[in-house]
Amino acid sequence: MRFAQAPPVKAANAVYLTLAAQVLSLSALVIFEQVRGRSLAAQLAAYGGRPQGADAEAVVGAVTAFAVLMMLASGGAVAAGAAYVTWLVRARQVNDPSAATGPVAVAWLIPGVNLVAPAMLVHEVWQGARPPAGERPRWLALVSGWWLSWLTALVLLTIVLPLDSAEGDLTGIGVAQLACVALAALLCAATVRKITQVQRSACAEREAPEPVAALSPFTPPGLGSAT
């Protein structure tokens, strides 16, 4: 029987929360970079990277704040990835309880494959949920926008950033990288919401009681032939 499992609503909510946490933590890191990053980097460079005595007291607070923000941003990204993979595995099993978790790991972890396969896997889940007719164009626009924004953010963070980063910056992460990550997170949450809604609708239809046929009025014997 299809949709033997309930749609992963809690897993979807976890995706929304962790994506929001990721964007907020990265925003805090970018703000710190813009306000204090260049001057802090210059101070550390002047102290040879190992300030001592009064020099250490002058920068210890800023260095600690930077370290905390870096941990929060990294932790937010890891949490969002874990929440999303958990939701995707469960969403696939809603469509097919026998669906293995292996394809999800392969889609995200194999280099080269992970540039295309995750979006195709999400599209497959959407198709398996049997969405209403006419939704395909809007869905394709949504999933394509999500994946293109994610690839753009990936390129900016892993390729463009190391090439363009100035020596006086701490991380080099700026508004452009933050904007792409925020857009990718927003569209990712929208794809999760869309699939979850389709699966919930299908589950509700499956569990709805079948209509009872109307009973004909009782006619006592002998009255039906009376004139």
N, C-alpha and C. Protein backbone atom coordinates (compact mmCIF):
# COMPACT_ATOMS: atom_id res chain seq x y z
N MET A 1 0.86 -1.20 0.00
CA MET A 1 0.00 0.00 0.00
C MET A 1 0.88 1.23 0.00
N ARG A 2 0.59 2.22 -0.81
CA ARG A 2 1.36 3.45 -0.88
C ARG A 2 1.10 4.30 0.36
N PHE A 3 2.11 5.09 0.74
CA PHE A 3 2.02 6.00 1.87
C PHE A 3 1.65 5.24 3.16
N ALA A 4 2.35 4.09 3.36
CA ALA A 4 2.13 3.33 4.58
C ALA A 4 2.69 4.09 5.78
N GLN A 5 3.66 4.98 5.57
CA GLN A 5 4.23 5.77 6.64
C GLN A 5 3.68 7.20 6.59
N ALA A 6 3.66 7.82 7.76
CA ALA A 6 3.20 9.21 7.82
C ALA A 6 4.26 10.13 7.25
N PRO A 7 3.87 11.22 6.62
CA PRO A 7 4.85 12.18 6.09
C PRO A 7 5.74 12.70 7.21
N PRO A 8 7.02 12.92 6.93
CA PRO A 8 7.98 13.35 7.98
C PRO A 8 7.85 14.83 8.31
N VAL A 9 6.78 15.21 8.96
CA VAL A 9 6.54 16.62 9.27
C VAL A 9 7.57 17.15 10.26
N LYS A 10 7.88 16.36 11.29
CA LYS A 10 8.86 16.80 12.29
C LYS A 10 10.24 16.94 11.66
N ALA A 11 10.59 16.02 10.79
CA ALA A 11 11.88 16.11 10.10
C ALA A 11 11.93 17.36 9.22
N ALA A 12 10.81 17.69 8.58
CA ALA A 12 10.75 18.91 7.77
C ALA A 12 10.92 20.15 8.63
N ASN A 13 10.28 20.17 9.81
CA ASN A 13 10.42 21.30 10.72
C ASN A 13 11.87 21.46 11.18
N ALA A 14 12.54 20.32 11.39
CA ALA A 14 13.96 20.38 11.77
C ALA A 14 14.80 21.00 10.66
N VAL A 15 14.45 20.71 9.41
CA VAL A 15 15.16 21.32 8.28
C VAL A 15 14.98 22.84 8.30
N TYR A 16 13.75 23.29 8.50
CA TYR A 16 13.49 24.73 8.53
C TYR A 16 14.30 25.42 9.64
N LEU A 17 14.30 24.83 10.81
CA LEU A 17 14.99 25.44 11.95
C LEU A 17 16.50 25.48 11.74
N THR A 18 17.07 24.38 11.27
CA THR A 18 18.52 24.34 11.09
C THR A 18 18.98 25.23 9.94
N LEU A 19 18.17 25.33 8.88
CA LEU A 19 18.52 26.24 7.80
C LEU A 19 18.50 27.69 8.29
N ALA A 20 17.50 28.03 9.09
CA ALA A 20 17.44 29.38 9.66
C ALA A 20 18.65 29.64 10.55
N ALA A 21 19.02 28.64 11.37
CA ALA A 21 20.18 28.79 12.24
C ALA A 21 21.46 28.96 11.43
N GLN A 22 21.55 28.23 10.33
CA GLN A 22 22.73 28.35 9.47
C GLN A 22 22.85 29.77 8.90
N VAL A 23 21.76 30.30 8.39
CA VAL A 23 21.79 31.64 7.80
C VAL A 23 22.09 32.70 8.87
N LEU A 24 21.48 32.56 10.05
CA LEU A 24 21.69 33.54 11.11
C LEU A 24 23.14 33.52 11.60
N SER A 25 23.70 32.33 11.78
CA SER A 25 25.08 32.23 12.26
C SER A 25 26.06 32.76 11.22
N LEU A 26 25.80 32.48 9.95
CA LEU A 26 26.66 33.00 8.90
C LEU A 26 26.53 34.52 8.79
N SER A 27 25.32 35.03 9.00
CA SER A 27 25.11 36.48 8.98
C SER A 27 25.92 37.15 10.09
N ALA A 28 25.92 36.55 11.27
CA ALA A 28 26.69 37.11 12.38
C ALA A 28 28.18 37.11 12.07
N LEU A 29 28.64 36.04 11.42
CA LEU A 29 30.06 35.98 11.06
C LEU A 29 30.41 37.04 10.02
N VAL A 30 29.54 37.25 9.05
CA VAL A 30 29.79 38.26 8.02
C VAL A 30 29.79 39.66 8.64
N ILE A 31 28.86 39.92 9.54
CA ILE A 31 28.83 41.23 10.21
C ILE A 31 30.12 41.46 10.99
N PHE A 32 30.56 40.43 11.71
CA PHE A 32 31.82 40.56 12.46
C PHE A 32 32.98 40.82 11.52
N GLU A 33 32.99 40.12 10.40
CA GLU A 33 34.05 40.30 9.41
C GLU A 33 34.07 41.73 8.89
N GLN A 34 32.89 42.28 8.61
CA GLN A 34 32.82 43.62 8.06
C GLN A 34 33.18 44.69 9.09
N VAL A 35 32.80 44.48 10.35
CA VAL A 35 33.00 45.49 11.38
C VAL A 35 34.38 45.41 12.03
N ARG A 36 34.82 44.19 12.32
CA ARG A 36 36.03 44.02 13.14
C ARG A 36 37.11 43.17 12.46
N GLY A 37 36.74 42.47 11.41
CA GLY A 37 37.66 41.48 10.85
C GLY A 37 38.98 42.04 10.36
N ARG A 38 38.94 43.09 9.57
CA ARG A 38 40.18 43.61 8.98
C ARG A 38 41.13 44.16 10.05
N SER A 39 40.57 44.90 11.00
CA SER A 39 41.43 45.45 12.06
C SER A 39 42.00 44.36 12.94
N LEU A 40 41.20 43.31 13.21
CA LEU A 40 41.70 42.20 14.02
C LEU A 40 42.79 41.45 13.29
N ALA A 41 42.59 41.23 12.00
CA ALA A 41 43.63 40.55 11.22
C ALA A 41 44.92 41.36 11.22
N ALA A 42 44.81 42.68 11.12
CA ALA A 42 46.00 43.53 11.13
C ALA A 42 46.70 43.46 12.49
N GLN A 43 45.93 43.43 13.58
CA GLN A 43 46.53 43.33 14.91
C GLN A 43 47.26 42.00 15.08
N LEU A 44 46.63 40.92 14.67
CA LEU A 44 47.27 39.62 14.80
C LEU A 44 48.53 39.53 13.96
N ALA A 45 48.48 40.13 12.77
CA ALA A 45 49.67 40.13 11.92
C ALA A 45 50.80 40.94 12.57
N ALA A 46 50.45 42.04 13.20
CA ALA A 46 51.47 42.87 13.86
C ALA A 46 52.09 42.16 15.05
N TYR A 47 51.29 41.33 15.73
CA TYR A 47 51.79 40.62 16.90
C TYR A 47 52.43 39.28 16.51
N GLY A 48 52.52 39.01 15.23
CA GLY A 48 53.08 37.74 14.79
C GLY A 48 52.17 36.56 15.03
N GLY A 49 50.88 36.83 15.22
CA GLY A 49 49.92 35.75 15.42
C GLY A 49 49.88 35.24 16.84
N ARG A 50 50.80 35.71 17.70
CA ARG A 50 50.85 35.23 19.08
C ARG A 50 51.02 36.42 20.03
N PRO A 51 49.96 37.17 20.22
CA PRO A 51 50.07 38.33 21.13
C PRO A 51 50.30 37.89 22.56
N GLN A 52 51.07 38.67 23.30
CA GLN A 52 51.37 38.36 24.69
C GLN A 52 51.18 39.61 25.54
N GLY A 53 50.96 39.39 26.82
CA GLY A 53 50.83 40.49 27.75
C GLY A 53 49.67 41.41 27.42
N ALA A 54 49.96 42.72 27.41
CA ALA A 54 48.93 43.71 27.13
C ALA A 54 48.36 43.57 25.73
N ASP A 55 49.21 43.14 24.78
CA ASP A 55 48.73 42.93 23.41
C ASP A 55 47.67 41.85 23.37
N ALA A 56 47.88 40.79 24.14
CA ALA A 56 46.92 39.70 24.17
C ALA A 56 45.59 40.16 24.76
N GLU A 57 45.66 40.97 25.81
CA GLU A 57 44.43 41.47 26.43
C GLU A 57 43.63 42.34 25.46
N ALA A 58 44.31 42.99 24.54
CA ALA A 58 43.63 43.90 23.62
C ALA A 58 42.81 43.17 22.57
N VAL A 59 43.19 41.93 22.27
CA VAL A 59 42.51 41.23 21.18
C VAL A 59 41.83 39.94 21.62
N VAL A 60 42.03 39.53 22.88
CA VAL A 60 41.51 38.23 23.29
C VAL A 60 39.99 38.16 23.16
N GLY A 61 39.30 39.25 23.47
CA GLY A 61 37.85 39.23 23.36
C GLY A 61 37.39 39.07 21.92
N ALA A 62 38.03 39.81 21.00
CA ALA A 62 37.66 39.71 19.59
C ALA A 62 37.99 38.35 19.01
N VAL A 63 39.14 37.81 19.39
CA VAL A 63 39.52 36.48 18.90
C VAL A 63 38.55 35.43 19.40
N THR A 64 38.15 35.54 20.66
CA THR A 64 37.18 34.59 21.22
C THR A 64 35.84 34.68 20.50
N ALA A 65 35.39 35.91 20.26
CA ALA A 65 34.12 36.10 19.55
C ALA A 65 34.19 35.52 18.15
N PHE A 66 35.32 35.73 17.47
CA PHE A 66 35.49 35.18 16.12
C PHE A 66 35.47 33.66 16.14
N ALA A 67 36.14 33.06 17.12
CA ALA A 67 36.18 31.60 17.21
C ALA A 67 34.78 31.04 17.47
N VAL A 68 34.02 31.70 18.34
CA VAL A 68 32.65 31.24 18.63
C VAL A 68 31.78 31.34 17.38
N LEU A 69 31.90 32.45 16.66
CA LEU A 69 31.10 32.62 15.44
C LEU A 69 31.47 31.59 14.38
N MET A 70 32.73 31.27 14.27
CA MET A 70 33.16 30.25 13.31
C MET A 70 32.57 28.89 13.68
N MET A 71 32.59 28.56 14.97
CA MET A 71 32.02 27.28 15.40
C MET A 71 30.52 27.23 15.18
N LEU A 72 29.84 28.34 15.43
CA LEU A 72 28.40 28.38 15.21
C LEU A 72 28.06 28.23 13.73
N ALA A 73 28.81 28.91 12.87
CA ALA A 73 28.55 28.82 11.44
C ALA A 73 28.82 27.40 10.92
N SER A 74 29.92 26.81 11.38
CA SER A 74 30.23 25.43 10.95
C SER A 74 29.21 24.45 11.50
N GLY A 75 28.86 24.62 12.77
CA GLY A 75 27.87 23.73 13.37
C GLY A 75 26.51 23.88 12.73
N GLY A 76 26.14 25.10 12.36
CA GLY A 76 24.85 25.30 11.69
C GLY A 76 24.80 24.61 10.35
N ALA A 77 25.91 24.66 9.60
CA ALA A 77 25.95 23.99 8.30
C ALA A 77 25.85 22.48 8.45
N VAL A 78 26.57 21.93 9.44
CA VAL A 78 26.52 20.47 9.66
C VAL A 78 25.13 20.05 10.11
N ALA A 79 24.52 20.82 11.02
CA ALA A 79 23.18 20.48 11.51
C ALA A 79 22.16 20.54 10.38
N ALA A 80 22.25 21.56 9.53
CA ALA A 80 21.31 21.67 8.41
C ALA A 80 21.47 20.50 7.45
N GLY A 81 22.72 20.11 7.18
CA GLY A 81 22.94 18.97 6.29
C GLY A 81 22.39 17.68 6.86
N ALA A 82 22.62 17.45 8.16
CA ALA A 82 22.12 16.23 8.80
C ALA A 82 20.59 16.20 8.82
N ALA A 83 19.97 17.35 9.13
CA ALA A 83 18.50 17.41 9.17
C ALA A 83 17.92 17.18 7.78
N TYR A 84 18.56 17.74 6.76
CA TYR A 84 18.03 17.59 5.41
C TYR A 84 18.13 16.14 4.94
N VAL A 85 19.26 15.50 5.19
CA VAL A 85 19.43 14.10 4.77
C VAL A 85 18.42 13.22 5.49
N THR A 86 18.19 13.48 6.78
CA THR A 86 17.20 12.69 7.53
C THR A 86 15.82 12.85 6.93
N TRP A 87 15.45 14.10 6.61
CA TRP A 87 14.14 14.32 5.99
C TRP A 87 14.05 13.62 4.64
N LEU A 88 15.08 13.70 3.83
CA LEU A 88 15.04 13.13 2.49
C LEU A 88 14.89 11.61 2.55
N VAL A 89 15.61 10.97 3.46
CA VAL A 89 15.50 9.52 3.61
C VAL A 89 14.07 9.14 3.99
N ARG A 90 13.50 9.86 4.94
CA ARG A 90 12.14 9.53 5.39
C ARG A 90 11.10 9.86 4.32
N ALA A 91 11.31 10.95 3.58
CA ALA A 91 10.36 11.30 2.52
C ALA A 91 10.37 10.23 1.42
N ARG A 92 11.52 9.67 1.10
CA ARG A 92 11.58 8.59 0.12
C ARG A 92 10.87 7.35 0.62
N GLN A 93 10.98 7.10 1.92
CA GLN A 93 10.34 5.91 2.48
C GLN A 93 8.83 6.07 2.62
N VAL A 94 8.36 7.30 2.63
CA VAL A 94 6.91 7.51 2.60
C VAL A 94 6.36 7.05 1.25
N ASN A 95 7.06 7.38 0.18
CA ASN A 95 6.65 6.93 -1.15
C ASN A 95 6.83 5.44 -1.32
N ASP A 96 7.95 4.92 -0.80
CA ASP A 96 8.29 3.50 -0.95
C ASP A 96 8.96 3.05 0.34
N PRO A 97 8.24 2.31 1.21
CA PRO A 97 8.81 1.89 2.50
C PRO A 97 10.09 1.07 2.35
N SER A 98 10.32 0.47 1.21
CA SER A 98 11.52 -0.34 1.01
C SER A 98 12.69 0.46 0.44
N ALA A 99 12.53 1.78 0.27
CA ALA A 99 13.59 2.61 -0.30
C ALA A 99 14.83 2.57 0.59
N ALA A 100 15.97 2.31 -0.01
CA ALA A 100 17.23 2.24 0.74
C ALA A 100 17.80 3.63 0.96
N THR A 101 18.67 3.73 1.98
CA THR A 101 19.32 5.02 2.27
C THR A 101 20.58 5.23 1.44
N GLY A 102 21.07 4.16 0.82
CA GLY A 102 22.31 4.26 0.05
C GLY A 102 22.30 5.32 -1.04
N PRO A 103 21.24 5.40 -1.87
CA PRO A 103 21.24 6.42 -2.92
C PRO A 103 21.36 7.84 -2.40
N VAL A 104 20.84 8.12 -1.22
CA VAL A 104 20.95 9.46 -0.65
C VAL A 104 22.40 9.77 -0.32
N ALA A 105 23.10 8.80 0.29
CA ALA A 105 24.51 9.01 0.61
C ALA A 105 25.35 9.17 -0.64
N VAL A 106 25.07 8.35 -1.64
CA VAL A 106 25.82 8.44 -2.90
C VAL A 106 25.59 9.78 -3.56
N ALA A 107 24.34 10.23 -3.57
CA ALA A 107 23.99 11.48 -4.25
C ALA A 107 24.73 12.68 -3.66
N TRP A 108 24.95 12.67 -2.34
CA TRP A 108 25.54 13.83 -1.70
C TRP A 108 27.04 13.72 -1.46
N LEU A 109 27.58 12.51 -1.42
CA LEU A 109 28.98 12.35 -1.00
C LEU A 109 29.95 12.06 -2.13
N ILE A 110 29.49 11.52 -3.24
CA ILE A 110 30.40 11.18 -4.33
C ILE A 110 30.73 12.43 -5.15
N PRO A 111 32.00 12.83 -5.21
CA PRO A 111 32.36 14.03 -6.00
C PRO A 111 31.92 13.90 -7.45
N GLY A 112 31.45 14.97 -8.01
CA GLY A 112 30.95 14.96 -9.37
C GLY A 112 29.49 14.56 -9.42
N VAL A 113 29.17 13.44 -8.82
CA VAL A 113 27.78 13.00 -8.74
C VAL A 113 26.96 13.99 -7.93
N ASN A 114 27.57 14.52 -6.86
CA ASN A 114 26.83 15.43 -5.99
C ASN A 114 26.57 16.80 -6.60
N LEU A 115 27.00 17.01 -7.83
CA LEU A 115 26.68 18.25 -8.52
C LEU A 115 25.33 18.19 -9.24
N VAL A 116 24.81 16.98 -9.42
CA VAL A 116 23.56 16.80 -10.16
C VAL A 116 22.57 15.92 -9.41
N ALA A 117 23.07 14.82 -8.84
CA ALA A 117 22.20 13.78 -8.29
C ALA A 117 21.25 14.25 -7.19
N PRO A 118 21.66 15.11 -6.25
CA PRO A 118 20.72 15.50 -5.20
C PRO A 118 19.44 16.13 -5.73
N ALA A 119 19.56 17.02 -6.70
CA ALA A 119 18.36 17.65 -7.27
C ALA A 119 17.49 16.62 -7.97
N MET A 120 18.12 15.68 -8.67
CA MET A 120 17.35 14.63 -9.34
C MET A 120 16.65 13.74 -8.33
N LEU A 121 17.31 13.48 -7.22
CA LEU A 121 16.71 12.64 -6.18
C LEU A 121 15.49 13.31 -5.56
N VAL A 122 15.59 14.61 -5.32
CA VAL A 122 14.45 15.36 -4.77
C VAL A 122 13.30 15.38 -5.77
N HIS A 123 13.63 15.55 -7.03
CA HIS A 123 12.59 15.53 -8.06
C HIS A 123 11.91 14.17 -8.12
N GLU A 124 12.68 13.13 -7.93
CA GLU A 124 12.10 11.78 -7.93
C GLU A 124 11.13 11.60 -6.77
N VAL A 125 11.47 12.15 -5.61
CA VAL A 125 10.57 12.06 -4.45
C VAL A 125 9.28 12.82 -4.74
N TRP A 126 9.40 13.98 -5.34
CA TRP A 126 8.21 14.76 -5.67
C TRP A 126 7.32 14.00 -6.65
N GLN A 127 7.90 13.40 -7.66
CA GLN A 127 7.11 12.62 -8.62
C GLN A 127 6.46 11.42 -7.95
N GLY A 128 7.20 10.76 -7.06
CA GLY A 128 6.66 9.59 -6.38
C GLY A 128 5.50 9.90 -5.47
N ALA A 129 5.41 11.15 -5.03
CA ALA A 129 4.29 11.55 -4.17
C ALA A 129 3.01 11.80 -4.95
N ARG A 130 3.09 11.72 -6.28
CA ARG A 130 1.93 11.93 -7.16
C ARG A 130 1.26 13.27 -6.89
N PRO A 131 1.93 14.36 -7.24
CA PRO A 131 1.37 15.70 -7.00
C PRO A 131 0.21 15.97 -7.94
N PRO A 132 -0.57 17.01 -7.66
CA PRO A 132 -1.70 17.36 -8.53
C PRO A 132 -1.24 17.70 -9.95
N ALA A 133 -2.08 17.45 -10.89
CA ALA A 133 -1.76 17.77 -12.29
C ALA A 133 -1.58 19.27 -12.46
N GLY A 134 -0.64 19.67 -13.29
CA GLY A 134 -0.40 21.07 -13.55
C GLY A 134 0.63 21.71 -12.65
N GLU A 135 1.15 20.97 -11.65
CA GLU A 135 2.13 21.54 -10.73
C GLU A 135 3.56 21.41 -11.25
N ARG A 136 3.77 20.62 -12.29
CA ARG A 136 5.12 20.31 -12.74
C ARG A 136 5.94 21.55 -13.13
N PRO A 137 5.41 22.49 -13.94
CA PRO A 137 6.24 23.65 -14.32
C PRO A 137 6.72 24.46 -13.12
N ARG A 138 5.83 24.72 -12.17
CA ARG A 138 6.23 25.51 -11.00
C ARG A 138 7.23 24.74 -10.14
N TRP A 139 7.03 23.44 -10.04
CA TRP A 139 7.97 22.64 -9.26
C TRP A 139 9.35 22.63 -9.90
N LEU A 140 9.41 22.45 -11.20
CA LEU A 140 10.70 22.44 -11.89
C LEU A 140 11.42 23.77 -11.74
N ALA A 141 10.68 24.88 -11.78
CA ALA A 141 11.29 26.19 -11.57
C ALA A 141 11.84 26.31 -10.16
N LEU A 142 11.09 25.79 -9.19
CA LEU A 142 11.51 25.87 -7.79
C LEU A 142 12.77 25.04 -7.54
N VAL A 143 12.75 23.78 -7.95
CA VAL A 143 13.89 22.90 -7.66
C VAL A 143 15.12 23.34 -8.46
N SER A 144 14.91 23.86 -9.66
CA SER A 144 16.04 24.34 -10.46
C SER A 144 16.65 25.59 -9.82
N GLY A 145 15.80 26.50 -9.34
CA GLY A 145 16.30 27.69 -8.68
C GLY A 145 17.07 27.35 -7.42
N TRP A 146 16.56 26.39 -6.66
CA TRP A 146 17.26 25.96 -5.44
C TRP A 146 18.63 25.41 -5.78
N TRP A 147 18.70 24.53 -6.75
CA TRP A 147 19.97 23.87 -7.01
C TRP A 147 20.97 24.82 -7.65
N LEU A 148 20.53 25.70 -8.52
CA LEU A 148 21.45 26.67 -9.12
C LEU A 148 21.99 27.63 -8.07
N SER A 149 21.14 28.07 -7.15
CA SER A 149 21.62 28.97 -6.09
C SER A 149 22.59 28.26 -5.17
N TRP A 150 22.36 26.97 -4.90
CA TRP A 150 23.27 26.20 -4.06
C TRP A 150 24.63 26.02 -4.75
N LEU A 151 24.62 25.71 -6.04
CA LEU A 151 25.87 25.57 -6.78
C LEU A 151 26.62 26.90 -6.84
N THR A 152 25.88 27.99 -7.01
CA THR A 152 26.52 29.31 -7.02
C THR A 152 27.19 29.60 -5.69
N ALA A 153 26.49 29.33 -4.59
CA ALA A 153 27.08 29.53 -3.26
C ALA A 153 28.31 28.66 -3.07
N LEU A 154 28.24 27.42 -3.56
CA LEU A 154 29.37 26.50 -3.43
C LEU A 154 30.59 27.03 -4.19
N VAL A 155 30.36 27.54 -5.39
CA VAL A 155 31.46 28.09 -6.19
C VAL A 155 32.06 29.32 -5.50
N LEU A 156 31.22 30.19 -4.99
CA LEU A 156 31.71 31.40 -4.34
C LEU A 156 32.52 31.09 -3.09
N LEU A 157 32.12 30.06 -2.35
CA LEU A 157 32.79 29.75 -1.09
C LEU A 157 34.06 28.92 -1.28
N THR A 158 34.08 28.06 -2.27
CA THR A 158 35.20 27.12 -2.41
C THR A 158 36.19 27.48 -3.52
N ILE A 159 35.77 28.29 -4.49
CA ILE A 159 36.65 28.61 -5.62
C ILE A 159 36.96 30.10 -5.68
N VAL A 160 35.91 30.91 -5.76
CA VAL A 160 36.11 32.36 -5.91
C VAL A 160 36.70 32.96 -4.65
N LEU A 161 36.20 32.55 -3.48
CA LEU A 161 36.65 33.15 -2.22
C LEU A 161 38.15 32.98 -1.99
N PRO A 162 38.73 31.77 -2.14
CA PRO A 162 40.18 31.65 -1.94
C PRO A 162 41.00 32.46 -2.93
N LEU A 163 40.49 32.68 -4.13
CA LEU A 163 41.23 33.43 -5.14
C LEU A 163 41.18 34.93 -4.90
N ASP A 164 40.02 35.42 -4.44
CA ASP A 164 39.82 36.86 -4.31
C ASP A 164 40.03 37.38 -2.89
N SER A 165 40.20 36.49 -1.94
CA SER A 165 40.30 36.93 -0.55
C SER A 165 41.53 37.80 -0.34
N ALA A 166 41.32 38.96 0.29
CA ALA A 166 42.43 39.87 0.58
C ALA A 166 43.23 39.37 1.78
N GLU A 167 44.48 39.74 1.83
CA GLU A 167 45.33 39.28 2.93
C GLU A 167 44.88 39.82 4.27
N GLY A 168 44.20 40.97 4.27
CA GLY A 168 43.79 41.58 5.53
C GLY A 168 42.49 41.06 6.07
N ASP A 169 41.87 40.10 5.43
CA ASP A 169 40.59 39.56 5.91
C ASP A 169 40.82 38.33 6.77
N LEU A 170 39.84 38.06 7.64
CA LEU A 170 39.90 36.84 8.45
C LEU A 170 39.44 35.64 7.64
N THR A 171 38.26 35.74 7.06
CA THR A 171 37.71 34.63 6.27
C THR A 171 37.46 35.04 4.82
N GLY A 172 37.20 36.31 4.59
CA GLY A 172 36.86 36.77 3.24
C GLY A 172 35.41 36.62 2.89
N ILE A 173 34.63 35.98 3.76
CA ILE A 173 33.20 35.79 3.49
C ILE A 173 32.50 37.13 3.58
N GLY A 174 31.74 37.45 2.52
CA GLY A 174 31.08 38.73 2.48
C GLY A 174 29.60 38.63 2.16
N VAL A 175 29.06 39.75 1.73
CA VAL A 175 27.63 39.83 1.47
C VAL A 175 27.22 38.94 0.31
N ALA A 176 28.05 38.85 -0.72
CA ALA A 176 27.69 38.03 -1.87
C ALA A 176 27.53 36.56 -1.49
N GLN A 177 28.48 36.04 -0.72
CA GLN A 177 28.39 34.64 -0.28
C GLN A 177 27.18 34.43 0.62
N LEU A 178 26.95 35.37 1.53
CA LEU A 178 25.80 35.27 2.43
C LEU A 178 24.49 35.29 1.66
N ALA A 179 24.38 36.16 0.66
CA ALA A 179 23.15 36.26 -0.12
C ALA A 179 22.85 34.95 -0.85
N CYS A 180 23.87 34.34 -1.43
CA CYS A 180 23.66 33.08 -2.15
C CYS A 180 23.27 31.95 -1.20
N VAL A 181 23.94 31.89 -0.05
CA VAL A 181 23.59 30.86 0.93
C VAL A 181 22.17 31.06 1.44
N ALA A 182 21.79 32.30 1.72
CA ALA A 182 20.44 32.58 2.21
C ALA A 182 19.38 32.22 1.17
N LEU A 183 19.65 32.55 -0.09
CA LEU A 183 18.70 32.21 -1.15
C LEU A 183 18.58 30.70 -1.31
N ALA A 184 19.71 30.01 -1.29
CA ALA A 184 19.68 28.55 -1.41
C ALA A 184 18.92 27.92 -0.24
N ALA A 185 19.12 28.45 0.97
CA ALA A 185 18.41 27.92 2.14
C ALA A 185 16.92 28.14 2.02
N LEU A 186 16.53 29.33 1.56
CA LEU A 186 15.11 29.64 1.41
C LEU A 186 14.44 28.72 0.39
N LEU A 187 15.08 28.53 -0.75
CA LEU A 187 14.50 27.68 -1.79
C LEU A 187 14.53 26.21 -1.39
N CYS A 188 15.56 25.82 -0.65
CA CYS A 188 15.62 24.44 -0.15
C CYS A 188 14.44 24.18 0.79
N ALA A 189 14.18 25.12 1.70
CA ALA A 189 13.04 24.97 2.61
C ALA A 189 11.73 24.91 1.83
N ALA A 190 11.64 25.67 0.74
CA ALA A 190 10.42 25.66 -0.07
C ALA A 190 10.21 24.31 -0.74
N THR A 191 11.28 23.66 -1.21
CA THR A 191 11.13 22.33 -1.81
C THR A 191 10.70 21.30 -0.77
N VAL A 192 11.28 21.40 0.42
CA VAL A 192 10.89 20.49 1.50
C VAL A 192 9.42 20.68 1.85
N ARG A 193 9.00 21.92 1.96
CA ARG A 193 7.61 22.22 2.29
C ARG A 193 6.66 21.70 1.22
N LYS A 194 7.02 21.88 -0.05
CA LYS A 194 6.16 21.45 -1.15
C LYS A 194 5.97 19.94 -1.14
N ILE A 195 7.05 19.20 -1.00
CA ILE A 195 6.95 17.74 -1.00
C ILE A 195 6.17 17.26 0.22
N THR A 196 6.44 17.86 1.37
CA THR A 196 5.73 17.46 2.58
C THR A 196 4.23 17.72 2.45
N GLN A 197 3.85 18.84 1.85
CA GLN A 197 2.44 19.14 1.65
C GLN A 197 1.78 18.12 0.74
N VAL A 198 2.45 17.76 -0.35
CA VAL A 198 1.88 16.78 -1.28
C VAL A 198 1.70 15.44 -0.58
N GLN A 199 2.67 15.03 0.19
CA GLN A 199 2.56 13.74 0.89
C GLN A 199 1.49 13.78 1.96
N ARG A 200 1.34 14.89 2.63
CA ARG A 200 0.27 15.00 3.64
C ARG A 200 -1.10 14.95 3.00
N SER A 201 -1.25 15.59 1.85
CA SER A 201 -2.53 15.56 1.15
C SER A 201 -2.87 14.14 0.71
N ALA A 202 -1.87 13.44 0.19
CA ALA A 202 -2.10 12.06 -0.24
C ALA A 202 -2.44 11.16 0.94
N CYS A 203 -1.77 11.40 2.07
CA CYS A 203 -2.04 10.61 3.26
C CYS A 203 -3.45 10.88 3.78
N ALA A 204 -3.89 12.13 3.75
CA ALA A 204 -5.23 12.47 4.20
C ALA A 204 -6.30 11.82 3.32
N GLU A 205 -6.05 11.79 2.01
CA GLU A 205 -7.00 11.15 1.10
C GLU A 205 -7.07 9.65 1.36
N ARG A 206 -5.94 9.06 1.67
CA ARG A 206 -5.92 7.62 1.93
C ARG A 206 -6.67 7.26 3.20
N GLU A 207 -6.57 8.15 4.21
CA GLU A 207 -7.19 7.84 5.49
C GLU A 207 -8.63 8.32 5.58
N ALA A 208 -9.12 9.08 4.59
CA ALA A 208 -10.50 9.57 4.63
C ALA A 208 -11.47 8.40 4.51
N PRO A 209 -12.53 8.37 5.33
CA PRO A 209 -13.50 7.27 5.25
C PRO A 209 -14.26 7.29 3.93
N GLU A 210 -14.52 6.12 3.42
CA GLU A 210 -15.27 6.02 2.17
C GLU A 210 -16.72 6.42 2.41
N PRO A 211 -17.33 7.12 1.45
CA PRO A 211 -18.73 7.54 1.62
C PRO A 211 -19.66 6.33 1.70
N VAL A 212 -20.65 6.44 2.59
CA VAL A 212 -21.63 5.36 2.77
C VAL A 212 -22.79 5.57 1.80
N ALA A 213 -23.14 4.53 1.09
CA ALA A 213 -24.24 4.63 0.12
C ALA A 213 -25.55 4.94 0.85
N ALA A 214 -26.34 5.81 0.27
CA ALA A 214 -27.63 6.18 0.87
C ALA A 214 -28.58 4.98 0.85
N LEU A 215 -29.26 4.75 1.97
CA LEU A 215 -30.20 3.64 2.08
C LEU A 215 -31.57 4.07 1.58
N SER A 216 -32.21 3.20 0.84
CA SER A 216 -33.58 3.49 0.38
C SER A 216 -34.54 3.37 1.54
N PRO A 217 -35.59 4.17 1.55
CA PRO A 217 -36.56 4.12 2.67
C PRO A 217 -37.23 2.74 2.77
N PHE A 218 -37.48 2.33 4.01
CA PHE A 218 -38.11 1.02 4.25
C PHE A 218 -39.58 1.03 3.87
N THR A 219 -39.98 0.04 3.09
CA THR A 219 -41.37 -0.10 2.69
C THR A 219 -41.92 -1.41 3.23
N PRO A 220 -42.93 -1.33 4.12
CA PRO A 220 -43.49 -2.57 4.68
C PRO A 220 -44.00 -3.50 3.58
N PRO A 221 -43.95 -4.81 3.84
CA PRO A 221 -44.45 -5.77 2.84
C PRO A 221 -45.93 -5.53 2.55
N GLY A 222 -46.28 -5.62 1.28
CA GLY A 222 -47.67 -5.49 0.86
C GLY A 222 -48.06 -4.08 0.47
N LEU A 223 -47.27 -3.06 0.99
CA LEU A 223 -47.64 -1.69 0.66
C LEU A 223 -47.11 -1.26 -0.70
N GLY A 224 -46.06 -1.99 -1.12
CA GLY A 224 -45.48 -1.61 -2.41
C GLY A 224 -46.41 -1.89 -3.56
N SER A 225 -47.32 -2.86 -3.44
CA SER A 225 -48.23 -3.19 -4.53
C SER A 225 -49.59 -2.56 -4.36
N ALA A 226 -49.72 -1.78 -3.26
CA ALA A 226 -51.04 -1.17 -3.04
C ALA A 226 -51.29 -0.07 -4.02
N THR A 227 -52.55 0.09 -4.41
CA THR A 227 -52.95 1.13 -5.39
C THR A 227 -53.68 2.25 -4.67
